[in-house]
Amino acid sequence: MENNVIDLSPVQTRVATCKAIAWDTCHKIYVLMDDEQVSKMIEYGYEGDMLKASEHTYEVLMNSIMDWYANACDLVFIDAVSTNAKNPNDGFETLVGQSF
């Protein structure tokens, strides 16, 4: 991934209160905002590429996100994900959108 300058302030804000971060080892980076999303990502197989906020410092989480972003495939994005029972798609918040 090229060294593009990105605005990390939305990521920093969400990581400060997240439950975990996860990466698909390609282009999807998620900031998981509640326990249900952590459980879902484990079910989806992200557990090996997941860091829980209860086990790591804010600095470790942010450094991991920056490393993942730097090593991601094209079309990388960072989304915060919260559980929304009425409309699951409304639970996604783009923090860093895909660049083309």
PDB file of N, CA and C in Angstrom:
ATOM      1  N   MET A   1       0.849  -1.183   0.000  1.00  0.00           N
ATOM      2  CA  MET A   1       0.000   0.000   0.000  1.00  0.00           C
ATOM      3  C   MET A   1       0.887   1.236   0.000  1.00  0.00           C
ATOM      4  N   GLU A   2       0.560   2.204  -0.796  1.00  0.00           N
ATOM      5  CA  GLU A   2       1.326   3.445  -0.837  1.00  0.00           C
ATOM      6  C   GLU A   2       1.202   4.184   0.486  1.00  0.00           C
ATOM      7  N   ASN A   3       2.187   5.040   0.766  1.00  0.00           N
ATOM      8  CA  ASN A   3       2.151   5.833   1.992  1.00  0.00           C
ATOM      9  C   ASN A   3       1.317   7.090   1.785  1.00  0.00           C
ATOM     10  N   ASN A   4       0.014   6.912   1.666  1.00  0.00           N
ATOM     11  CA  ASN A   4      -0.899   8.037   1.529  1.00  0.00           C
ATOM     12  C   ASN A   4      -1.126   8.667   2.893  1.00  0.00           C
ATOM     13  N   VAL A   5      -1.289   9.973   2.913  1.00  0.00           N
ATOM     14  CA  VAL A   5      -1.620  10.661   4.153  1.00  0.00           C
ATOM     15  C   VAL A   5      -3.120  10.498   4.379  1.00  0.00           C
ATOM     16  N   ILE A   6      -3.468   9.980   5.546  1.00  0.00           N
ATOM     17  CA  ILE A   6      -4.880   9.797   5.870  1.00  0.00           C
ATOM     18  C   ILE A   6      -5.177  10.510   7.185  1.00  0.00           C
ATOM     19  N   ASP A   7      -6.424  10.920   7.333  1.00  0.00           N
ATOM     20  CA  ASP A   7      -6.878  11.545   8.572  1.00  0.00           C
ATOM     21  C   ASP A   7      -7.257  10.439   9.547  1.00  0.00           C
ATOM     22  N   LEU A   8      -6.445  10.262  10.564  1.00  0.00           N
ATOM     23  CA  LEU A   8      -6.695   9.209  11.549  1.00  0.00           C
ATOM     24  C   LEU A   8      -7.545   9.659  12.728  1.00  0.00           C
ATOM     25  N   SER A   9      -7.954  10.920  12.763  1.00  0.00           N
ATOM     26  CA  SER A   9      -8.708  11.397  13.927  1.00  0.00           C
ATOM     27  C   SER A   9     -10.005  10.613  14.163  1.00  0.00           C
ATOM     28  N   PRO A  10     -10.771  10.237  13.118  1.00  0.00           N
ATOM     29  CA  PRO A  10     -11.963   9.422  13.404  1.00  0.00           C
ATOM     30  C   PRO A  10     -11.604   8.046  13.972  1.00  0.00           C
ATOM     31  N   VAL A  11     -10.484   7.478  13.498  1.00  0.00           N
ATOM     32  CA  VAL A  11     -10.032   6.182  14.000  1.00  0.00           C
ATOM     33  C   VAL A  11      -9.612   6.321  15.460  1.00  0.00           C
ATOM     34  N   GLN A  12      -8.856   7.355  15.764  1.00  0.00           N
ATOM     35  CA  GLN A  12      -8.394   7.585  17.137  1.00  0.00           C
ATOM     36  C   GLN A  12      -9.571   7.716  18.102  1.00  0.00           C
ATOM     37  N   THR A  13     -10.592   8.433  17.684  1.00  0.00           N
ATOM     38  CA  THR A  13     -11.774   8.635  18.520  1.00  0.00           C
ATOM     39  C   THR A  13     -12.463   7.311  18.823  1.00  0.00           C
ATOM     40  N   ARG A  14     -12.638   6.472  17.805  1.00  0.00           N
ATOM     41  CA  ARG A  14     -13.339   5.197  18.000  1.00  0.00           C
ATOM     42  C   ARG A  14     -12.481   4.182  18.748  1.00  0.00           C
ATOM     43  N   VAL A  15     -11.183   4.147  18.470  1.00  0.00           N
ATOM     44  CA  VAL A  15     -10.310   3.190  19.154  1.00  0.00           C
ATOM     45  C   VAL A  15     -10.283   3.471  20.659  1.00  0.00           C
ATOM     46  N   ALA A  16     -10.434   4.718  21.040  1.00  0.00           N
ATOM     47  CA  ALA A  16     -10.404   5.086  22.464  1.00  0.00           C
ATOM     48  C   ALA A  16     -11.515   4.401  23.265  1.00  0.00           C
ATOM     49  N   THR A  17     -12.606   4.004  22.605  1.00  0.00           N
ATOM     50  CA  THR A  17     -13.726   3.378  23.314  1.00  0.00           C
ATOM     51  C   THR A  17     -14.123   2.020  22.733  1.00  0.00           C
ATOM     52  N   CYS A  18     -13.307   1.454  21.879  1.00  0.00           N
ATOM     53  CA  CYS A  18     -13.672   0.192  21.222  1.00  0.00           C
ATOM     54  C   CYS A  18     -13.462  -1.014  22.136  1.00  0.00           C
ATOM     55  N   LYS A  19     -14.019  -2.135  21.711  1.00  0.00           N
ATOM     56  CA  LYS A  19     -13.820  -3.416  22.390  1.00  0.00           C
ATOM     57  C   LYS A  19     -12.669  -4.191  21.765  1.00  0.00           C
ATOM     58  N   ALA A  20     -12.441  -4.000  20.437  1.00  0.00           N
ATOM     59  CA  ALA A  20     -11.383  -4.728  19.740  1.00  0.00           C
ATOM     60  C   ALA A  20     -11.180  -4.121  18.357  1.00  0.00           C
ATOM     61  N   ILE A  21     -10.084  -4.544  17.722  1.00  0.00           N
ATOM     62  CA  ILE A  21      -9.846  -4.220  16.319  1.00  0.00           C
ATOM     63  C   ILE A  21      -9.604  -5.536  15.592  1.00  0.00           C
ATOM     64  N   ALA A  22      -9.933  -5.578  14.308  1.00  0.00           N
ATOM     65  CA  ALA A  22      -9.768  -6.811  13.536  1.00  0.00           C
ATOM     66  C   ALA A  22      -9.393  -6.466  12.101  1.00  0.00           C
ATOM     67  N   TRP A  23      -8.696  -7.411  11.455  1.00  0.00           N
ATOM     68  CA  TRP A  23      -8.227  -7.227  10.071  1.00  0.00           C
ATOM     69  C   TRP A  23      -8.380  -8.541   9.319  1.00  0.00           C
ATOM     70  N   ASP A  24      -8.817  -8.466   8.078  1.00  0.00           N
ATOM     71  CA  ASP A  24      -8.963  -9.677   7.263  1.00  0.00           C
ATOM     72  C   ASP A  24      -7.671 -10.063   6.556  1.00  0.00           C
ATOM     73  N   THR A  25      -6.569  -9.396   6.846  1.00  0.00           N
ATOM     74  CA  THR A  25      -5.225  -9.549   6.255  1.00  0.00           C
ATOM     75  C   THR A  25      -5.166  -9.102   4.797  1.00  0.00           C
ATOM     76  N   CYS A  26      -6.198  -8.419   4.340  1.00  0.00           N
ATOM     77  CA  CYS A  26      -6.176  -7.854   2.993  1.00  0.00           C
ATOM     78  C   CYS A  26      -6.578  -6.380   3.050  1.00  0.00           C
ATOM     79  N   HIS A  27      -7.872  -6.084   2.952  1.00  0.00           N
ATOM     80  CA  HIS A  27      -8.275  -4.679   2.855  1.00  0.00           C
ATOM     81  C   HIS A  27      -9.338  -4.230   3.862  1.00  0.00           C
ATOM     82  N   LYS A  28      -9.851  -5.119   4.677  1.00  0.00           N
ATOM     83  CA  LYS A  28     -10.903  -4.763   5.631  1.00  0.00           C
ATOM     84  C   LYS A  28     -10.324  -4.642   7.036  1.00  0.00           C
ATOM     85  N   ILE A  29     -10.366  -3.431   7.586  1.00  0.00           N
ATOM     86  CA  ILE A  29      -9.938  -3.191   8.958  1.00  0.00           C
ATOM     87  C   ILE A  29     -11.157  -2.688   9.730  1.00  0.00           C
ATOM     88  N   TYR A  30     -11.448  -3.353  10.834  1.00  0.00           N
ATOM     89  CA  TYR A  30     -12.633  -3.015  11.613  1.00  0.00           C
ATOM     90  C   TYR A  30     -12.265  -2.593  13.032  1.00  0.00           C
ATOM     91  N   VAL A  31     -12.966  -1.573  13.520  1.00  0.00           N
ATOM     92  CA  VAL A  31     -12.903  -1.153  14.915  1.00  0.00           C
ATOM     93  C   VAL A  31     -14.235  -1.606  15.506  1.00  0.00           C
ATOM     94  N   LEU A  32     -14.176  -2.574  16.391  1.00  0.00           N
ATOM     95  CA  LEU A  32     -15.378  -3.219  16.915  1.00  0.00           C
ATOM     96  C   LEU A  32     -15.822  -2.518  18.193  1.00  0.00           C
ATOM     97  N   MET A  33     -17.045  -2.012  18.173  1.00  0.00           N
ATOM     98  CA  MET A  33     -17.502  -1.126  19.223  1.00  0.00           C
ATOM     99  C   MET A  33     -18.281  -1.805  20.346  1.00  0.00           C
ATOM    100  N   ASP A  34     -18.657  -3.083  20.169  1.00  0.00           N
ATOM    101  CA  ASP A  34     -19.384  -3.770  21.235  1.00  0.00           C
ATOM    102  C   ASP A  34     -19.063  -5.263  21.226  1.00  0.00           C
ATOM    103  N   ASP A  35     -19.437  -5.921  22.310  1.00  0.00           N
ATOM    104  CA  ASP A  35     -19.107  -7.339  22.486  1.00  0.00           C
ATOM    105  C   ASP A  35     -19.744  -8.230  21.426  1.00  0.00           C
ATOM    106  N   GLU A  36     -20.934  -7.882  20.970  1.00  0.00           N
ATOM    107  CA  GLU A  36     -21.591  -8.697  19.940  1.00  0.00           C
ATOM    108  C   GLU A  36     -20.771  -8.692  18.649  1.00  0.00           C
ATOM    109  N   GLN A  37     -20.199  -7.549  18.297  1.00  0.00           N
ATOM    110  CA  GLN A  37     -19.375  -7.486  17.090  1.00  0.00           C
ATOM    111  C   GLN A  37     -18.085  -8.280  17.261  1.00  0.00           C
ATOM    112  N   VAL A  38     -17.519  -8.269  18.458  1.00  0.00           N
ATOM    113  CA  VAL A  38     -16.328  -9.082  18.726  1.00  0.00           C
ATOM    114  C   VAL A  38     -16.670 -10.555  18.515  1.00  0.00           C
ATOM    115  N   SER A  39     -17.785 -11.005  19.059  1.00  0.00           N
ATOM    116  CA  SER A  39     -18.214 -12.402  18.904  1.00  0.00           C
ATOM    117  C   SER A  39     -18.440 -12.751  17.441  1.00  0.00           C
ATOM    118  N   LYS A  40     -19.075 -11.850  16.690  1.00  0.00           N
ATOM    119  CA  LYS A  40     -19.318 -12.103  15.269  1.00  0.00           C
ATOM    120  C   LYS A  40     -18.008 -12.241  14.504  1.00  0.00           C
ATOM    121  N   MET A  41     -17.052 -11.381  14.778  1.00  0.00           N
ATOM    122  CA  MET A  41     -15.776 -11.451  14.059  1.00  0.00           C
ATOM    123  C   MET A  41     -15.029 -12.732  14.390  1.00  0.00           C
ATOM    124  N   ILE A  42     -15.152 -13.204  15.627  1.00  0.00           N
ATOM    125  CA  ILE A  42     -14.545 -14.489  15.978  1.00  0.00           C
ATOM    126  C   ILE A  42     -15.221 -15.602  15.179  1.00  0.00           C
ATOM    127  N   GLU A  43     -16.554 -15.559  15.086  1.00  0.00           N
ATOM    128  CA  GLU A  43     -17.295 -16.540  14.275  1.00  0.00           C
ATOM    129  C   GLU A  43     -16.857 -16.495  12.815  1.00  0.00           C
ATOM    130  N   TYR A  44     -16.563 -15.302  12.295  1.00  0.00           N
ATOM    131  CA  TYR A  44     -16.156 -15.144  10.901  1.00  0.00           C
ATOM    132  C   TYR A  44     -14.702 -15.541  10.672  1.00  0.00           C
ATOM    133  N   GLY A  45     -13.966 -15.868  11.736  1.00  0.00           N
ATOM    134  CA  GLY A  45     -12.597 -16.318  11.587  1.00  0.00           C
ATOM    135  C   GLY A  45     -11.528 -15.251  11.724  1.00  0.00           C
ATOM    136  N   TYR A  46     -11.876 -14.099  12.270  1.00  0.00           N
ATOM    137  CA  TYR A  46     -10.918 -13.006  12.436  1.00  0.00           C
ATOM    138  C   TYR A  46     -10.091 -13.121  13.712  1.00  0.00           C
ATOM    139  N   GLU A  47     -10.325 -14.115  14.532  1.00  0.00           N
ATOM    140  CA  GLU A  47      -9.712 -14.172  15.856  1.00  0.00           C
ATOM    141  C   GLU A  47      -8.184 -14.080  15.812  1.00  0.00           C
ATOM    142  N   GLY A  48      -7.548 -14.679  14.802  1.00  0.00           N
ATOM    143  CA  GLY A  48      -6.094 -14.621  14.701  1.00  0.00           C
ATOM    144  C   GLY A  48      -5.566 -13.237  14.382  1.00  0.00           C
ATOM    145  N   ASP A  49      -6.399 -12.406  13.803  1.00  0.00           N
ATOM    146  CA  ASP A  49      -6.024 -11.040  13.452  1.00  0.00           C
ATOM    147  C   ASP A  49      -6.929 -10.050  14.174  1.00  0.00           C
ATOM    148  N   MET A  50      -7.082 -10.279  15.475  1.00  0.00           N
ATOM    149  CA  MET A  50      -7.918  -9.431  16.318  1.00  0.00           C
ATOM    150  C   MET A  50      -7.142  -9.100  17.589  1.00  0.00           C
ATOM    151  N   LEU A  51      -7.245  -7.865  18.000  1.00  0.00           N
ATOM    152  CA  LEU A  51      -6.666  -7.434  19.273  1.00  0.00           C
ATOM    153  C   LEU A  51      -7.789  -6.857  20.119  1.00  0.00           C
ATOM    154  N   LYS A  52      -7.931  -7.371  21.331  1.00  0.00           N
ATOM    155  CA  LYS A  52      -8.973  -6.890  22.234  1.00  0.00           C
ATOM    156  C   LYS A  52      -8.447  -5.720  23.055  1.00  0.00           C
ATOM    157  N   ALA A  53      -9.280  -4.716  23.206  1.00  0.00           N
ATOM    158  CA  ALA A  53      -8.895  -3.517  23.952  1.00  0.00           C
ATOM    159  C   ALA A  53      -8.609  -3.841  25.417  1.00  0.00           C
ATOM    160  N   SER A  54      -9.241  -4.858  25.957  1.00  0.00           N
ATOM    161  CA  SER A  54      -9.013  -5.232  27.353  1.00  0.00           C
ATOM    162  C   SER A  54      -7.633  -5.858  27.567  1.00  0.00           C
ATOM    163  N   GLU A  55      -6.978  -6.252  26.487  1.00  0.00           N
ATOM    164  CA  GLU A  55      -5.686  -6.929  26.577  1.00  0.00           C
ATOM    165  C   GLU A  55      -4.522  -6.097  26.035  1.00  0.00           C
ATOM    166  N   HIS A  56      -4.829  -4.944  25.428  1.00  0.00           N
ATOM    167  CA  HIS A  56      -3.793  -4.133  24.786  1.00  0.00           C
ATOM    168  C   HIS A  56      -4.024  -2.651  25.071  1.00  0.00           C
ATOM    169  N   THR A  57      -2.956  -1.887  25.027  1.00  0.00           N
ATOM    170  CA  THR A  57      -3.072  -0.445  25.233  1.00  0.00           C
ATOM    171  C   THR A  57      -3.604   0.231  23.971  1.00  0.00           C
ATOM    172  N   TYR A  58      -4.077   1.429  24.160  1.00  0.00           N
ATOM    173  CA  TYR A  58      -4.517   2.261  23.035  1.00  0.00           C
ATOM    174  C   TYR A  58      -3.391   2.378  22.002  1.00  0.00           C
ATOM    175  N   GLU A  59      -2.169   2.595  22.455  1.00  0.00           N
ATOM    176  CA  GLU A  59      -1.031   2.759  21.547  1.00  0.00           C
ATOM    177  C   GLU A  59      -0.795   1.502  20.715  1.00  0.00           C
ATOM    178  N   VAL A  60      -0.899   0.339  21.334  1.00  0.00           N
ATOM    179  CA  VAL A  60      -0.733  -0.916  20.594  1.00  0.00           C
ATOM    180  C   VAL A  60      -1.832  -1.058  19.540  1.00  0.00           C
ATOM    181  N   LEU A  61      -3.062  -0.727  19.908  1.00  0.00           N
ATOM    182  CA  LEU A  61      -4.166  -0.821  18.961  1.00  0.00           C
ATOM    183  C   LEU A  61      -3.953   0.127  17.774  1.00  0.00           C
ATOM    184  N   MET A  62      -3.596   1.375  18.052  1.00  0.00           N
ATOM    185  CA  MET A  62      -3.381   2.331  16.970  1.00  0.00           C
ATOM    186  C   MET A  62      -2.185   1.937  16.096  1.00  0.00           C
ATOM    187  N   ASN A  63      -1.097   1.507  16.719  1.00  0.00           N
ATOM    188  CA  ASN A  63       0.072   1.081  15.939  1.00  0.00           C
ATOM    189  C   ASN A  63      -0.258  -0.119  15.060  1.00  0.00           C
ATOM    190  N   SER A  64      -1.074  -1.020  15.564  1.00  0.00           N
ATOM    191  CA  SER A  64      -1.482  -2.189  14.775  1.00  0.00           C
ATOM    192  C   SER A  64      -2.329  -1.769  13.583  1.00  0.00           C
ATOM    193  N   ILE A  65      -3.271  -0.860  13.814  1.00  0.00           N
ATOM    194  CA  ILE A  65      -4.098  -0.378  12.708  1.00  0.00           C
ATOM    195  C   ILE A  65      -3.222   0.288  11.648  1.00  0.00           C
ATOM    196  N   MET A  66      -2.284   1.110  12.063  1.00  0.00           N
ATOM    197  CA  MET A  66      -1.410   1.790  11.097  1.00  0.00           C
ATOM    198  C   MET A  66      -0.547   0.779  10.339  1.00  0.00           C
ATOM    199  N   ASP A  67      -0.070  -0.249  11.025  1.00  0.00           N
ATOM    200  CA  ASP A  67       0.714  -1.292  10.362  1.00  0.00           C
ATOM    201  C   ASP A  67      -0.151  -2.070   9.379  1.00  0.00           C
ATOM    202  N   TRP A  68      -1.352  -2.459   9.805  1.00  0.00           N
ATOM    203  CA  TRP A  68      -2.264  -3.171   8.910  1.00  0.00           C
ATOM    204  C   TRP A  68      -2.569  -2.325   7.681  1.00  0.00           C
ATOM    205  N   TYR A  69      -2.844  -1.051   7.903  1.00  0.00           N
ATOM    206  CA  TYR A  69      -3.173  -0.155   6.789  1.00  0.00           C
ATOM    207  C   TYR A  69      -1.999  -0.076   5.808  1.00  0.00           C
ATOM    208  N   ALA A  70      -0.801   0.049   6.334  1.00  0.00           N
ATOM    209  CA  ALA A  70       0.393   0.152   5.487  1.00  0.00           C
ATOM    210  C   ALA A  70       0.650  -1.127   4.691  1.00  0.00           C
ATOM    211  N   ASN A  71       0.225  -2.264   5.209  1.00  0.00           N
ATOM    212  CA  ASN A  71       0.479  -3.549   4.569  1.00  0.00           C
ATOM    213  C   ASN A  71      -0.759  -4.143   3.895  1.00  0.00           C
ATOM    214  N   ALA A  72      -1.806  -3.365   3.781  1.00  0.00           N
ATOM    215  CA  ALA A  72      -3.066  -3.855   3.225  1.00  0.00           C
ATOM    216  C   ALA A  72      -3.035  -3.902   1.699  1.00  0.00           C
ATOM    217  N   CYS A  73      -3.975  -4.657   1.161  1.00  0.00           N
ATOM    218  CA  CYS A  73      -4.193  -4.709  -0.283  1.00  0.00           C
ATOM    219  C   CYS A  73      -4.796  -3.379  -0.741  1.00  0.00           C
ATOM    220  N   ASP A  74      -4.872  -3.200  -2.043  1.00  0.00           N
ATOM    221  CA  ASP A  74      -5.547  -2.021  -2.591  1.00  0.00           C
ATOM    222  C   ASP A  74      -6.988  -1.985  -2.077  1.00  0.00           C
ATOM    223  N   LEU A  75      -7.559  -0.822  -2.097  1.00  0.00           N
ATOM    224  CA  LEU A  75      -8.939  -0.579  -1.684  1.00  0.00           C
ATOM    225  C   LEU A  75      -9.162  -0.792  -0.182  1.00  0.00           C
ATOM    226  N   VAL A  76      -8.125  -0.575   0.600  1.00  0.00           N
ATOM    227  CA  VAL A  76      -8.224  -0.712   2.049  1.00  0.00           C
ATOM    228  C   VAL A  76      -9.205   0.314   2.615  1.00  0.00           C
ATOM    229  N   PHE A  77      -9.911  -0.089   3.664  1.00  0.00           N
ATOM    230  CA  PHE A  77     -10.783   0.833   4.383  1.00  0.00           C
ATOM    231  C   PHE A  77     -10.763   0.480   5.858  1.00  0.00           C
ATOM    232  N   ILE A  78     -11.177   1.448   6.677  1.00  0.00           N
ATOM    233  CA  ILE A  78     -11.312   1.241   8.118  1.00  0.00           C
ATOM    234  C   ILE A  78     -12.733   1.652   8.502  1.00  0.00           C
ATOM    235  N   ASP A  79     -13.470   0.709   9.049  1.00  0.00           N
ATOM    236  CA  ASP A  79     -14.842   0.958   9.489  1.00  0.00           C
ATOM    237  C   ASP A  79     -14.970   0.670  10.977  1.00  0.00           C
ATOM    238  N   ALA A  80     -15.756   1.487  11.670  1.00  0.00           N
ATOM    239  CA  ALA A  80     -16.205   1.151  13.015  1.00  0.00           C
ATOM    240  C   ALA A  80     -17.499   0.360  12.848  1.00  0.00           C
ATOM    241  N   VAL A  81     -17.692  -0.654  13.682  1.00  0.00           N
ATOM    242  CA  VAL A  81     -18.887  -1.488  13.560  1.00  0.00           C
ATOM    243  C   VAL A  81     -19.547  -1.612  14.926  1.00  0.00           C
ATOM    244  N   SER A  82     -20.830  -1.245  14.968  1.00  0.00           N
ATOM    245  CA  SER A  82     -21.653  -1.369  16.162  1.00  0.00           C
ATOM    246  C   SER A  82     -22.865  -2.221  15.823  1.00  0.00           C
ATOM    247  N   THR A  83     -23.401  -2.898  16.796  1.00  0.00           N
ATOM    248  CA  THR A  83     -24.586  -3.717  16.572  1.00  0.00           C
ATOM    249  C   THR A  83     -25.808  -2.818  16.419  1.00  0.00           C
ATOM    250  N   ASN A  84     -26.568  -3.073  15.361  1.00  0.00           N
ATOM    251  CA  ASN A  84     -27.823  -2.382  15.113  1.00  0.00           C
ATOM    252  C   ASN A  84     -28.839  -3.464  14.753  1.00  0.00           C
ATOM    253  N   ALA A  85     -29.666  -3.839  15.706  1.00  0.00           N
ATOM    254  CA  ALA A  85     -30.596  -4.958  15.512  1.00  0.00           C
ATOM    255  C   ALA A  85     -31.628  -4.684  14.429  1.00  0.00           C
ATOM    256  N   LYS A  86     -32.075  -3.439  14.302  1.00  0.00           N
ATOM    257  CA  LYS A  86     -33.103  -3.118  13.311  1.00  0.00           C
ATOM    258  C   LYS A  86     -32.563  -3.138  11.890  1.00  0.00           C
ATOM    259  N   ASN A  87     -31.346  -2.632  11.700  1.00  0.00           N
ATOM    260  CA  ASN A  87     -30.745  -2.619  10.366  1.00  0.00           C
ATOM    261  C   ASN A  87     -29.230  -2.772  10.516  1.00  0.00           C
ATOM    262  N   PRO A  88     -28.728  -4.010  10.403  1.00  0.00           N
ATOM    263  CA  PRO A  88     -27.300  -4.253  10.605  1.00  0.00           C
ATOM    264  C   PRO A  88     -26.390  -3.361   9.756  1.00  0.00           C
ATOM    265  N   ASN A  89     -26.800  -2.995   8.562  1.00  0.00           N
ATOM    266  CA  ASN A  89     -25.967  -2.140   7.718  1.00  0.00           C
ATOM    267  C   ASN A  89     -25.767  -0.753   8.314  1.00  0.00           C
ATOM    268  N   ASP A  90     -26.701  -0.311   9.131  1.00  0.00           N
ATOM    269  CA  ASP A  90     -26.569   0.988   9.782  1.00  0.00           C
ATOM    270  C   ASP A  90     -25.519   0.972  10.890  1.00  0.00           C
ATOM    271  N   GLY A  91     -25.024  -0.198  11.232  1.00  0.00           N
ATOM    272  CA  GLY A  91     -24.005  -0.313  12.264  1.00  0.00           C
ATOM    273  C   GLY A  91     -22.596  -0.012  11.771  1.00  0.00           C
ATOM    274  N   PHE A  92     -22.432   0.176  10.463  1.00  0.00           N
ATOM    275  CA  PHE A  92     -21.112   0.452   9.894  1.00  0.00           C
ATOM    276  C   PHE A  92     -20.897   1.956   9.744  1.00  0.00           C
ATOM    277  N   GLU A  93     -19.752   2.420  10.202  1.00  0.00           N
ATOM    278  CA  GLU A  93     -19.369   3.822  10.088  1.00  0.00           C
ATOM    279  C   GLU A  93     -17.990   3.881   9.423  1.00  0.00           C
ATOM    280  N   THR A  94     -17.923   4.503   8.267  1.00  0.00           N
ATOM    281  CA  THR A  94     -16.640   4.613   7.568  1.00  0.00           C
ATOM    282  C   THR A  94     -15.757   5.633   8.280  1.00  0.00           C
ATOM    283  N   LEU A  95     -14.584   5.175   8.709  1.00  0.00           N
ATOM    284  CA  LEU A  95     -13.608   6.053   9.345  1.00  0.00           C
ATOM    285  C   LEU A  95     -12.555   6.495   8.349  1.00  0.00           C
ATOM    286  N   VAL A  96     -12.100   5.572   7.516  1.00  0.00           N
ATOM    287  CA  VAL A  96     -11.195   5.864   6.399  1.00  0.00           C
ATOM    288  C   VAL A  96     -11.749   5.097   5.214  1.00  0.00           C
ATOM    289  N   GLY A  97     -12.223   5.833   4.209  1.00  0.00           N
ATOM    290  CA  GLY A  97     -12.817   5.202   3.045  1.00  0.00           C
ATOM    291  C   GLY A  97     -11.800   4.646   2.077  1.00  0.00           C
ATOM    292  N   GLN A  98     -12.271   3.797   1.192  1.00  0.00           N
ATOM    293  CA  GLN A  98     -11.413   3.237   0.159  1.00  0.00           C
ATOM    294  C   GLN A  98     -10.943   4.337  -0.767  1.00  0.00           C
ATOM    295  N   SER A  99      -9.668   4.259  -1.145  1.00  0.00           N
ATOM    296  CA  SER A  99      -9.155   5.200  -2.140  1.00  0.00           C
ATOM    297  C   SER A  99      -8.949   4.449  -3.440  1.00  0.00           C
ATOM    298  N   PHE A 100      -9.255   5.092  -4.538  1.00  0.00           N
ATOM    299  CA  PHE A 100      -9.180   4.438  -5.835  1.00  0.00           C
ATOM    300  C   PHE A 100      -8.023   4.979  -6.631  1.00  0.00           C
TER     301      PHE A 100
END
